[in-house]
Each structure stands twice: as structure tokens, then as C-alpha cells.
Amino acid sequence: MSKNIIGRFLGIDPGLNFTGWGVIDYINSDKFNYIASGIIKTSIKMDYHFRLNHIFTEALKIIESNKPTYAAIEDTYVNVNNKSSIMLAQAKAASIIAISQNNLPITEYAAKKIKKTISGSGNADKSQIIKMISYWLPNVKIKSSDEADALAIALCHANHYKHNKNL
């Protein structure tokens, strides 16, 4: 890693069907550089435990190939459907275990905090978030909302890291 790079940040947007991921570098000159992003997709035809294992093993591969130094994940919320909430939490846990097996420090952020950090408003919609991601990462070509969310999480964490380091 270049001496101008402060850190490489991995953002994870957990989900059982689609887990978004994004990797950026925070550069010493208060700039960010897009590295890679995508989604981990599982099939509803797969047994549940195989879906969780797929998320875990793909997250391990992403970490191994991109070598992040910090990781962040979106905090899950409890919705009306308890079963969906539990499944989401387990998909999140698969990513967290992959991150922890690589001894990466991990931080969780609420969706409102991510939106506020990226756009200035905790109530920003997807199009506003994507517009701001494109502003901060001009080379990015976002293919899905899960991928955009993961990049927003990585940017959020890099910004908070930057501000906390200055305190």
C-alpha cells in the first residue's frame, strides 16, 4: 500500500439474497479512490445453511483479494416480520465472521448515520446517495443498490475514521 494511502475500507451491506460489498482507499489528501465492488448473490433454491456458507466464503475471497485494513457493516434493524429479521441477522453474522477471521477491526453504522454522512441528510433517498457516491468516487460504475449501499458504508467509515483520527 502506498504511503499516501491512510487505509483501505471495506463496506458490507448484508442480505440473504444479495450482500453488497465495496472497497475504497482513503488517501492522505482527503480523497477517496474506488477499488472494487459488487454483490454476493445466493439462490432461493439453495438450502438456508448453504446460502449462509456462500456469503461467508465469498466474503473471505473478497477480503483476501482486496486486503482491506478496516471494515464496516450496516447495522440491522428489526422489522415487522421476525423471521426476516433473524435471517438478515444471520446473513450479517456470516460476513462478520469472515471479517473477524481476518482480524480486521469492524464498525457498525445505522442506515440514517450512513445517509447523513454521505449526503448531509439522514432521510436521503437512493438516488441522492448514488449521486454523492459518484461525486466522491468519479470512476465508479454502480450496478445495483446493494453495491451502492456497501460503497456508502465504506465512505461513511472512512469519513468517520478521518474525523476521529483528527480529534
N, C-alpha and C. Protein backbone atom coordinates (compact mmCIF):
# COMPACT_ATOMS: atom_id res chain seq x y z
N MET A 1 0.84 -1.18 0.00
CA MET A 1 0.00 0.00 0.00
C MET A 1 0.89 1.25 0.00
N SER A 2 0.56 2.20 -0.81
CA SER A 2 1.33 3.44 -0.93
C SER A 2 1.31 4.22 0.38
N LYS A 3 2.36 5.02 0.63
CA LYS A 3 2.40 5.79 1.87
C LYS A 3 1.37 6.91 1.89
N ASN A 4 0.81 7.27 0.73
CA ASN A 4 -0.25 8.28 0.68
C ASN A 4 -1.61 7.71 1.08
N ILE A 5 -1.72 6.40 1.11
CA ILE A 5 -2.99 5.76 1.46
C ILE A 5 -3.03 5.56 2.96
N ILE A 6 -4.06 6.15 3.58
CA ILE A 6 -4.26 6.03 5.03
C ILE A 6 -4.81 4.66 5.38
N GLY A 7 -5.73 4.16 4.57
CA GLY A 7 -6.32 2.86 4.84
C GLY A 7 -7.21 2.41 3.70
N ARG A 8 -7.43 1.12 3.65
CA ARG A 8 -8.36 0.54 2.69
C ARG A 8 -9.60 0.10 3.47
N PHE A 9 -10.76 0.54 3.02
CA PHE A 9 -12.01 0.36 3.74
C PHE A 9 -12.97 -0.55 2.98
N LEU A 10 -13.45 -1.56 3.67
CA LEU A 10 -14.45 -2.48 3.14
C LEU A 10 -15.79 -2.13 3.76
N GLY A 11 -16.80 -1.96 2.91
CA GLY A 11 -18.17 -1.76 3.38
C GLY A 11 -19.01 -2.95 2.99
N ILE A 12 -19.85 -3.41 3.91
CA ILE A 12 -20.74 -4.56 3.66
C ILE A 12 -22.18 -4.15 3.94
N ASP A 13 -23.06 -4.40 2.97
CA ASP A 13 -24.50 -4.23 3.13
C ASP A 13 -25.09 -5.64 3.17
N PRO A 14 -25.35 -6.17 4.38
CA PRO A 14 -25.74 -7.58 4.48
C PRO A 14 -27.15 -7.86 3.96
N GLY A 15 -27.30 -9.04 3.40
CA GLY A 15 -28.60 -9.51 2.95
C GLY A 15 -28.49 -10.98 2.62
N LEU A 16 -29.59 -11.70 2.75
CA LEU A 16 -29.57 -13.13 2.45
C LEU A 16 -29.57 -13.39 0.95
N ASN A 17 -30.32 -12.59 0.19
CA ASN A 17 -30.36 -12.76 -1.26
C ASN A 17 -29.18 -12.06 -1.93
N PHE A 18 -28.92 -10.83 -1.51
CA PHE A 18 -27.83 -10.02 -2.08
C PHE A 18 -27.08 -9.33 -0.94
N THR A 19 -25.81 -9.62 -0.82
CA THR A 19 -24.94 -8.91 0.11
C THR A 19 -24.05 -8.00 -0.72
N GLY A 20 -24.23 -6.70 -0.55
CA GLY A 20 -23.40 -5.76 -1.29
C GLY A 20 -22.06 -5.58 -0.60
N TRP A 21 -21.01 -5.32 -1.38
CA TRP A 21 -19.70 -5.06 -0.83
C TRP A 21 -19.01 -4.00 -1.69
N GLY A 22 -18.17 -3.20 -1.02
CA GLY A 22 -17.43 -2.16 -1.72
C GLY A 22 -16.13 -1.89 -1.00
N VAL A 23 -15.08 -1.62 -1.77
CA VAL A 23 -13.76 -1.36 -1.22
C VAL A 23 -13.24 -0.04 -1.79
N ILE A 24 -12.78 0.83 -0.88
CA ILE A 24 -12.20 2.12 -1.28
C ILE A 24 -10.92 2.35 -0.51
N ASP A 25 -10.08 3.21 -1.05
CA ASP A 25 -8.91 3.68 -0.32
C ASP A 25 -9.18 5.11 0.13
N TYR A 26 -8.76 5.42 1.35
CA TYR A 26 -8.76 6.80 1.84
C TYR A 26 -7.33 7.29 1.67
N ILE A 27 -7.18 8.35 0.89
CA ILE A 27 -5.86 8.87 0.53
C ILE A 27 -5.56 10.10 1.38
N ASN A 28 -4.31 10.26 1.71
CA ASN A 28 -3.83 11.31 2.60
C ASN A 28 -4.36 12.71 2.25
N SER A 29 -4.61 12.99 1.01
CA SER A 29 -5.04 14.32 0.60
C SER A 29 -6.55 14.52 0.71
N ASP A 30 -7.19 13.79 1.62
CA ASP A 30 -8.65 13.87 1.81
C ASP A 30 -9.44 13.44 0.58
N LYS A 31 -8.90 12.50 -0.15
CA LYS A 31 -9.58 11.96 -1.32
C LYS A 31 -9.81 10.48 -1.12
N PHE A 32 -10.72 9.96 -1.91
CA PHE A 32 -11.06 8.55 -1.85
C PHE A 32 -10.88 7.95 -3.24
N ASN A 33 -10.44 6.71 -3.28
CA ASN A 33 -10.22 6.03 -4.54
C ASN A 33 -11.03 4.73 -4.56
N TYR A 34 -11.82 4.55 -5.61
CA TYR A 34 -12.59 3.33 -5.80
C TYR A 34 -11.65 2.18 -6.14
N ILE A 35 -11.82 1.07 -5.44
CA ILE A 35 -11.02 -0.13 -5.70
C ILE A 35 -11.86 -1.21 -6.39
N ALA A 36 -12.95 -1.63 -5.75
CA ALA A 36 -13.79 -2.70 -6.31
C ALA A 36 -15.12 -2.73 -5.56
N SER A 37 -16.11 -3.34 -6.18
CA SER A 37 -17.42 -3.52 -5.52
C SER A 37 -18.22 -4.57 -6.27
N GLY A 38 -19.29 -5.01 -5.65
CA GLY A 38 -20.15 -6.00 -6.27
C GLY A 38 -21.17 -6.52 -5.29
N ILE A 39 -21.75 -7.65 -5.64
CA ILE A 39 -22.72 -8.30 -4.76
C ILE A 39 -22.37 -9.78 -4.63
N ILE A 40 -22.71 -10.31 -3.49
CA ILE A 40 -22.67 -11.75 -3.27
C ILE A 40 -24.13 -12.20 -3.38
N LYS A 41 -24.41 -13.00 -4.38
CA LYS A 41 -25.79 -13.43 -4.63
C LYS A 41 -25.97 -14.88 -4.21
N THR A 42 -27.10 -15.14 -3.54
CA THR A 42 -27.45 -16.52 -3.23
C THR A 42 -28.77 -16.86 -3.92
N SER A 43 -28.99 -18.11 -4.14
CA SER A 43 -30.21 -18.57 -4.79
C SER A 43 -31.22 -19.03 -3.75
N ILE A 44 -32.46 -18.64 -3.95
CA ILE A 44 -33.51 -19.09 -3.02
C ILE A 44 -33.71 -20.60 -3.11
N LYS A 45 -33.17 -21.23 -4.15
CA LYS A 45 -33.27 -22.68 -4.30
C LYS A 45 -32.26 -23.41 -3.41
N MET A 46 -31.25 -22.68 -2.93
CA MET A 46 -30.24 -23.29 -2.06
C MET A 46 -30.80 -23.47 -0.66
N ASP A 47 -30.38 -24.52 0.03
CA ASP A 47 -30.72 -24.67 1.43
C ASP A 47 -30.15 -23.48 2.20
N TYR A 48 -30.85 -23.10 3.24
CA TYR A 48 -30.52 -21.89 4.00
C TYR A 48 -29.08 -21.89 4.49
N HIS A 49 -28.63 -22.99 5.08
CA HIS A 49 -27.27 -23.05 5.62
C HIS A 49 -26.22 -22.94 4.52
N PHE A 50 -26.52 -23.43 3.32
CA PHE A 50 -25.59 -23.29 2.20
C PHE A 50 -25.52 -21.83 1.73
N ARG A 51 -26.64 -21.12 1.83
CA ARG A 51 -26.65 -19.70 1.47
C ARG A 51 -25.74 -18.91 2.42
N LEU A 52 -25.85 -19.20 3.71
CA LEU A 52 -25.00 -18.51 4.69
C LEU A 52 -23.53 -18.85 4.46
N ASN A 53 -23.23 -20.10 4.17
CA ASN A 53 -21.86 -20.51 3.89
C ASN A 53 -21.34 -19.82 2.63
N HIS A 54 -22.18 -19.66 1.63
CA HIS A 54 -21.77 -18.99 0.40
C HIS A 54 -21.40 -17.53 0.69
N ILE A 55 -22.21 -16.84 1.49
CA ILE A 55 -21.90 -15.46 1.86
C ILE A 55 -20.55 -15.42 2.58
N PHE A 56 -20.37 -16.32 3.52
CA PHE A 56 -19.12 -16.38 4.29
C PHE A 56 -17.91 -16.62 3.39
N THR A 57 -17.96 -17.64 2.54
CA THR A 57 -16.80 -17.97 1.72
C THR A 57 -16.52 -16.89 0.67
N GLU A 58 -17.55 -16.29 0.11
CA GLU A 58 -17.33 -15.20 -0.86
C GLU A 58 -16.75 -13.97 -0.17
N ALA A 59 -17.22 -13.68 1.03
CA ALA A 59 -16.66 -12.55 1.79
C ALA A 59 -15.18 -12.80 2.08
N LEU A 60 -14.83 -14.02 2.43
CA LEU A 60 -13.41 -14.36 2.65
C LEU A 60 -12.59 -14.09 1.39
N LYS A 61 -13.11 -14.47 0.23
CA LYS A 61 -12.39 -14.26 -1.04
C LYS A 61 -12.22 -12.77 -1.33
N ILE A 62 -13.26 -11.99 -1.07
CA ILE A 62 -13.20 -10.54 -1.30
C ILE A 62 -12.15 -9.90 -0.41
N ILE A 63 -12.13 -10.32 0.85
CA ILE A 63 -11.14 -9.78 1.79
C ILE A 63 -9.73 -10.19 1.37
N GLU A 64 -9.57 -11.44 0.99
CA GLU A 64 -8.25 -11.93 0.57
C GLU A 64 -7.74 -11.20 -0.66
N SER A 65 -8.60 -10.95 -1.63
CA SER A 65 -8.14 -10.32 -2.88
C SER A 65 -7.98 -8.80 -2.78
N ASN A 66 -8.70 -8.15 -1.88
CA ASN A 66 -8.65 -6.68 -1.79
C ASN A 66 -7.84 -6.15 -0.61
N LYS A 67 -7.54 -7.01 0.35
CA LYS A 67 -6.70 -6.66 1.50
C LYS A 67 -7.10 -5.37 2.22
N PRO A 68 -8.36 -5.27 2.68
CA PRO A 68 -8.75 -4.07 3.43
C PRO A 68 -8.07 -4.02 4.79
N THR A 69 -7.95 -2.81 5.34
CA THR A 69 -7.39 -2.65 6.67
C THR A 69 -8.47 -2.35 7.71
N TYR A 70 -9.65 -1.93 7.23
CA TYR A 70 -10.79 -1.61 8.10
C TYR A 70 -12.07 -2.12 7.43
N ALA A 71 -13.05 -2.45 8.25
CA ALA A 71 -14.33 -2.92 7.71
C ALA A 71 -15.48 -2.27 8.46
N ALA A 72 -16.58 -2.09 7.74
CA ALA A 72 -17.80 -1.56 8.34
C ALA A 72 -18.98 -2.30 7.74
N ILE A 73 -20.03 -2.39 8.52
CA ILE A 73 -21.23 -3.11 8.09
C ILE A 73 -22.45 -2.33 8.57
N GLU A 74 -23.52 -2.43 7.78
CA GLU A 74 -24.74 -1.73 8.18
C GLU A 74 -25.38 -2.47 9.34
N ASP A 75 -25.78 -1.70 10.34
CA ASP A 75 -26.49 -2.26 11.48
C ASP A 75 -27.86 -2.73 11.01
N THR A 76 -28.25 -3.92 11.42
CA THR A 76 -29.55 -4.44 11.00
C THR A 76 -30.64 -3.89 11.90
N TYR A 77 -31.79 -3.81 11.34
CA TYR A 77 -32.95 -3.33 12.08
C TYR A 77 -33.97 -4.45 12.18
N VAL A 78 -34.79 -4.38 13.17
CA VAL A 78 -35.85 -5.38 13.34
C VAL A 78 -37.09 -4.85 12.63
N ASN A 79 -37.61 -5.66 11.72
CA ASN A 79 -38.83 -5.24 11.04
C ASN A 79 -40.02 -6.04 11.54
N VAL A 80 -41.14 -5.84 10.92
CA VAL A 80 -42.39 -6.48 11.37
C VAL A 80 -42.29 -8.00 11.32
N ASN A 81 -41.63 -8.52 10.31
CA ASN A 81 -41.50 -9.95 10.14
C ASN A 81 -40.27 -10.45 10.90
N ASN A 82 -40.49 -11.09 12.03
CA ASN A 82 -39.39 -11.57 12.87
C ASN A 82 -38.49 -12.56 12.14
N LYS A 83 -39.09 -13.44 11.34
CA LYS A 83 -38.30 -14.45 10.62
C LYS A 83 -37.34 -13.75 9.66
N SER A 84 -37.80 -12.73 8.94
CA SER A 84 -36.92 -11.99 8.02
C SER A 84 -35.80 -11.30 8.77
N SER A 85 -36.12 -10.74 9.93
CA SER A 85 -35.10 -10.07 10.74
C SER A 85 -34.02 -11.04 11.18
N ILE A 86 -34.43 -12.23 11.60
CA ILE A 86 -33.47 -13.24 12.05
C ILE A 86 -32.60 -13.70 10.88
N MET A 87 -33.20 -13.91 9.72
CA MET A 87 -32.44 -14.34 8.54
C MET A 87 -31.43 -13.27 8.13
N LEU A 88 -31.84 -12.00 8.18
CA LEU A 88 -30.93 -10.90 7.86
C LEU A 88 -29.77 -10.86 8.86
N ALA A 89 -30.09 -11.03 10.13
CA ALA A 89 -29.04 -11.02 11.16
C ALA A 89 -28.06 -12.16 10.95
N GLN A 90 -28.53 -13.32 10.52
CA GLN A 90 -27.64 -14.44 10.29
C GLN A 90 -26.76 -14.20 9.05
N ALA A 91 -27.31 -13.57 8.02
CA ALA A 91 -26.52 -13.22 6.84
C ALA A 91 -25.44 -12.21 7.23
N LYS A 92 -25.81 -11.27 8.09
CA LYS A 92 -24.84 -10.29 8.60
C LYS A 92 -23.75 -11.01 9.38
N ALA A 93 -24.12 -11.98 10.20
CA ALA A 93 -23.16 -12.72 11.01
C ALA A 93 -22.16 -13.47 10.13
N ALA A 94 -22.60 -14.00 9.00
CA ALA A 94 -21.69 -14.71 8.08
C ALA A 94 -20.59 -13.76 7.60
N SER A 95 -20.96 -12.51 7.29
CA SER A 95 -19.97 -11.52 6.87
C SER A 95 -19.06 -11.12 8.03
N ILE A 96 -19.64 -10.93 9.19
CA ILE A 96 -18.85 -10.53 10.37
C ILE A 96 -17.81 -11.60 10.70
N ILE A 97 -18.18 -12.86 10.61
CA ILE A 97 -17.23 -13.93 10.91
C ILE A 97 -16.09 -13.93 9.90
N ALA A 98 -16.40 -13.71 8.63
CA ALA A 98 -15.34 -13.64 7.61
C ALA A 98 -14.39 -12.48 7.90
N ILE A 99 -14.94 -11.35 8.31
CA ILE A 99 -14.13 -10.18 8.65
C ILE A 99 -13.27 -10.48 9.87
N SER A 100 -13.88 -11.07 10.89
CA SER A 100 -13.13 -11.34 12.13
C SER A 100 -12.06 -12.39 11.92
N GLN A 101 -12.26 -13.34 11.02
CA GLN A 101 -11.23 -14.35 10.75
C GLN A 101 -9.98 -13.72 10.13
N ASN A 102 -10.15 -12.51 9.58
CA ASN A 102 -9.01 -11.79 9.01
C ASN A 102 -8.49 -10.71 9.96
N ASN A 103 -8.96 -10.75 11.20
CA ASN A 103 -8.52 -9.82 12.25
C ASN A 103 -8.68 -8.35 11.87
N LEU A 104 -9.73 -8.05 11.12
CA LEU A 104 -9.99 -6.66 10.75
C LEU A 104 -10.87 -6.00 11.80
N PRO A 105 -10.55 -4.77 12.17
CA PRO A 105 -11.48 -4.05 13.05
C PRO A 105 -12.77 -3.77 12.28
N ILE A 106 -13.90 -3.92 12.93
CA ILE A 106 -15.19 -3.72 12.27
C ILE A 106 -16.04 -2.74 13.07
N THR A 107 -16.75 -1.89 12.35
CA THR A 107 -17.64 -0.91 12.95
C THR A 107 -19.01 -1.06 12.30
N GLU A 108 -20.06 -0.89 13.09
CA GLU A 108 -21.42 -0.94 12.58
C GLU A 108 -22.00 0.47 12.54
N TYR A 109 -22.75 0.76 11.48
CA TYR A 109 -23.40 2.06 11.32
C TYR A 109 -24.87 1.87 11.00
N ALA A 110 -25.69 2.69 11.64
CA ALA A 110 -27.13 2.71 11.33
C ALA A 110 -27.32 3.35 9.96
N ALA A 111 -28.38 2.96 9.27
CA ALA A 111 -28.65 3.46 7.93
C ALA A 111 -28.75 4.99 7.91
N LYS A 112 -29.39 5.57 8.89
CA LYS A 112 -29.54 7.03 8.94
C LYS A 112 -28.18 7.73 9.08
N LYS A 113 -27.29 7.14 9.85
CA LYS A 113 -25.96 7.74 10.03
C LYS A 113 -25.17 7.66 8.72
N ILE A 114 -25.30 6.57 8.01
CA ILE A 114 -24.62 6.42 6.71
C ILE A 114 -25.14 7.48 5.74
N LYS A 115 -26.45 7.61 5.65
CA LYS A 115 -27.05 8.60 4.75
C LYS A 115 -26.64 10.02 5.10
N LYS A 116 -26.64 10.32 6.38
CA LYS A 116 -26.27 11.67 6.83
C LYS A 116 -24.81 11.97 6.51
N THR A 117 -23.95 11.00 6.73
CA THR A 117 -22.52 11.18 6.45
C THR A 117 -22.29 11.39 4.95
N ILE A 118 -22.97 10.64 4.12
CA ILE A 118 -22.74 10.69 2.68
C ILE A 118 -23.39 11.90 2.04
N SER A 119 -24.62 12.22 2.46
CA SER A 119 -25.38 13.25 1.76
C SER A 119 -25.69 14.49 2.59
N GLY A 120 -25.51 14.40 3.90
CA GLY A 120 -25.88 15.51 4.76
C GLY A 120 -27.28 15.39 5.32
N SER A 121 -28.03 14.38 4.85
CA SER A 121 -29.40 14.17 5.33
C SER A 121 -29.60 12.70 5.67
N GLY A 122 -30.10 12.44 6.87
CA GLY A 122 -30.40 11.07 7.28
C GLY A 122 -31.59 10.48 6.57
N ASN A 123 -32.33 11.32 5.82
CA ASN A 123 -33.51 10.86 5.08
C ASN A 123 -33.28 10.84 3.58
N ALA A 124 -32.02 10.88 3.14
CA ALA A 124 -31.72 10.88 1.71
C ALA A 124 -32.25 9.62 1.05
N ASP A 125 -32.70 9.76 -0.20
CA ASP A 125 -33.17 8.58 -0.92
C ASP A 125 -32.01 7.97 -1.72
N LYS A 126 -32.28 6.81 -2.34
CA LYS A 126 -31.23 6.06 -3.05
C LYS A 126 -30.56 6.91 -4.13
N SER A 127 -31.34 7.69 -4.89
CA SER A 127 -30.76 8.47 -5.98
C SER A 127 -29.81 9.54 -5.45
N GLN A 128 -30.13 10.13 -4.30
CA GLN A 128 -29.23 11.12 -3.70
C GLN A 128 -27.93 10.47 -3.24
N ILE A 129 -28.05 9.30 -2.66
CA ILE A 129 -26.86 8.58 -2.18
C ILE A 129 -25.98 8.19 -3.37
N ILE A 130 -26.57 7.68 -4.42
CA ILE A 130 -25.80 7.28 -5.60
C ILE A 130 -25.12 8.49 -6.23
N LYS A 131 -25.81 9.62 -6.26
CA LYS A 131 -25.22 10.84 -6.81
C LYS A 131 -23.99 11.26 -6.00
N MET A 132 -24.09 11.19 -4.67
CA MET A 132 -22.97 11.57 -3.82
C MET A 132 -21.81 10.56 -3.93
N ILE A 133 -22.13 9.29 -4.06
CA ILE A 133 -21.08 8.28 -4.25
C ILE A 133 -20.33 8.58 -5.54
N SER A 134 -21.05 8.91 -6.60
CA SER A 134 -20.43 9.23 -7.88
C SER A 134 -19.58 10.49 -7.80
N TYR A 135 -19.97 11.42 -6.92
CA TYR A 135 -19.19 12.63 -6.72
C TYR A 135 -17.86 12.29 -6.02
N TRP A 136 -17.94 11.48 -4.97
CA TRP A 136 -16.75 11.13 -4.18
C TRP A 136 -15.85 10.11 -4.90
N LEU A 137 -16.50 9.26 -5.70
CA LEU A 137 -15.76 8.20 -6.42
C LEU A 137 -16.09 8.31 -7.91
N PRO A 138 -15.49 9.27 -8.62
CA PRO A 138 -15.89 9.53 -10.01
C PRO A 138 -15.68 8.36 -10.97
N ASN A 139 -14.82 7.40 -10.64
CA ASN A 139 -14.56 6.26 -11.52
C ASN A 139 -15.55 5.12 -11.35
N VAL A 140 -16.47 5.24 -10.42
CA VAL A 140 -17.35 4.12 -10.08
C VAL A 140 -18.49 3.97 -11.09
N LYS A 141 -18.82 2.72 -11.35
CA LYS A 141 -19.98 2.37 -12.18
C LYS A 141 -20.85 1.44 -11.34
N ILE A 142 -21.87 2.02 -10.71
CA ILE A 142 -22.71 1.25 -9.78
C ILE A 142 -23.72 0.43 -10.56
N LYS A 143 -23.78 -0.87 -10.23
CA LYS A 143 -24.66 -1.79 -10.93
C LYS A 143 -25.90 -2.20 -10.14
N SER A 144 -25.88 -1.98 -8.82
CA SER A 144 -27.04 -2.37 -8.01
C SER A 144 -27.13 -1.49 -6.76
N SER A 145 -28.31 -1.44 -6.18
CA SER A 145 -28.49 -0.63 -4.97
C SER A 145 -27.74 -1.23 -3.78
N ASP A 146 -27.60 -2.56 -3.74
CA ASP A 146 -26.85 -3.20 -2.65
C ASP A 146 -25.37 -2.83 -2.73
N GLU A 147 -24.85 -2.77 -3.94
CA GLU A 147 -23.47 -2.36 -4.15
C GLU A 147 -23.29 -0.89 -3.75
N ALA A 148 -24.25 -0.04 -4.14
CA ALA A 148 -24.19 1.38 -3.77
C ALA A 148 -24.22 1.54 -2.26
N ASP A 149 -25.07 0.80 -1.60
CA ASP A 149 -25.15 0.87 -0.14
C ASP A 149 -23.82 0.48 0.50
N ALA A 150 -23.18 -0.56 -0.03
CA ALA A 150 -21.91 -1.01 0.52
C ALA A 150 -20.82 0.05 0.33
N LEU A 151 -20.80 0.70 -0.82
CA LEU A 151 -19.83 1.78 -1.05
C LEU A 151 -20.11 2.95 -0.11
N ALA A 152 -21.39 3.24 0.11
CA ALA A 152 -21.75 4.31 1.05
C ALA A 152 -21.26 3.98 2.46
N ILE A 153 -21.36 2.72 2.85
CA ILE A 153 -20.89 2.28 4.17
C ILE A 153 -19.38 2.45 4.26
N ALA A 154 -18.65 2.07 3.21
CA ALA A 154 -17.19 2.22 3.20
C ALA A 154 -16.81 3.70 3.28
N LEU A 155 -17.49 4.56 2.51
CA LEU A 155 -17.22 6.00 2.55
C LEU A 155 -17.55 6.59 3.92
N CYS A 156 -18.66 6.16 4.49
CA CYS A 156 -19.06 6.62 5.82
C CYS A 156 -17.96 6.28 6.83
N HIS A 157 -17.49 5.04 6.79
CA HIS A 157 -16.48 4.62 7.76
C HIS A 157 -15.16 5.38 7.55
N ALA A 158 -14.76 5.57 6.31
CA ALA A 158 -13.52 6.30 6.03
C ALA A 158 -13.64 7.74 6.53
N ASN A 159 -14.80 8.36 6.36
CA ASN A 159 -15.00 9.73 6.85
C ASN A 159 -14.95 9.80 8.36
N HIS A 160 -15.59 8.86 9.02
CA HIS A 160 -15.56 8.85 10.49
C HIS A 160 -14.15 8.53 11.00
N TYR A 161 -13.46 7.67 10.31
CA TYR A 161 -12.08 7.37 10.66
C TYR A 161 -11.23 8.63 10.55
N LYS A 162 -11.40 9.35 9.44
CA LYS A 162 -10.66 10.58 9.18
C LYS A 162 -10.92 11.60 10.30
N HIS A 163 -12.17 11.79 10.68
CA HIS A 163 -12.52 12.78 11.71
C HIS A 163 -12.06 12.33 13.10
N ASN A 164 -12.20 11.07 13.41
CA ASN A 164 -11.76 10.57 14.72
C ASN A 164 -10.25 10.62 14.86
N LYS A 165 -9.55 10.41 13.75
CA LYS A 165 -8.09 10.47 13.78
C LYS A 165 -7.61 11.90 14.04
N ASN A 166 -8.39 12.89 13.58
CA ASN A 166 -8.03 14.30 13.76
C ASN A 166 -8.36 14.82 15.15
N LEU A 167 -9.14 14.07 15.94
CA LEU A 167 -9.53 14.54 17.27
C LEU A 167 -8.42 14.38 18.27
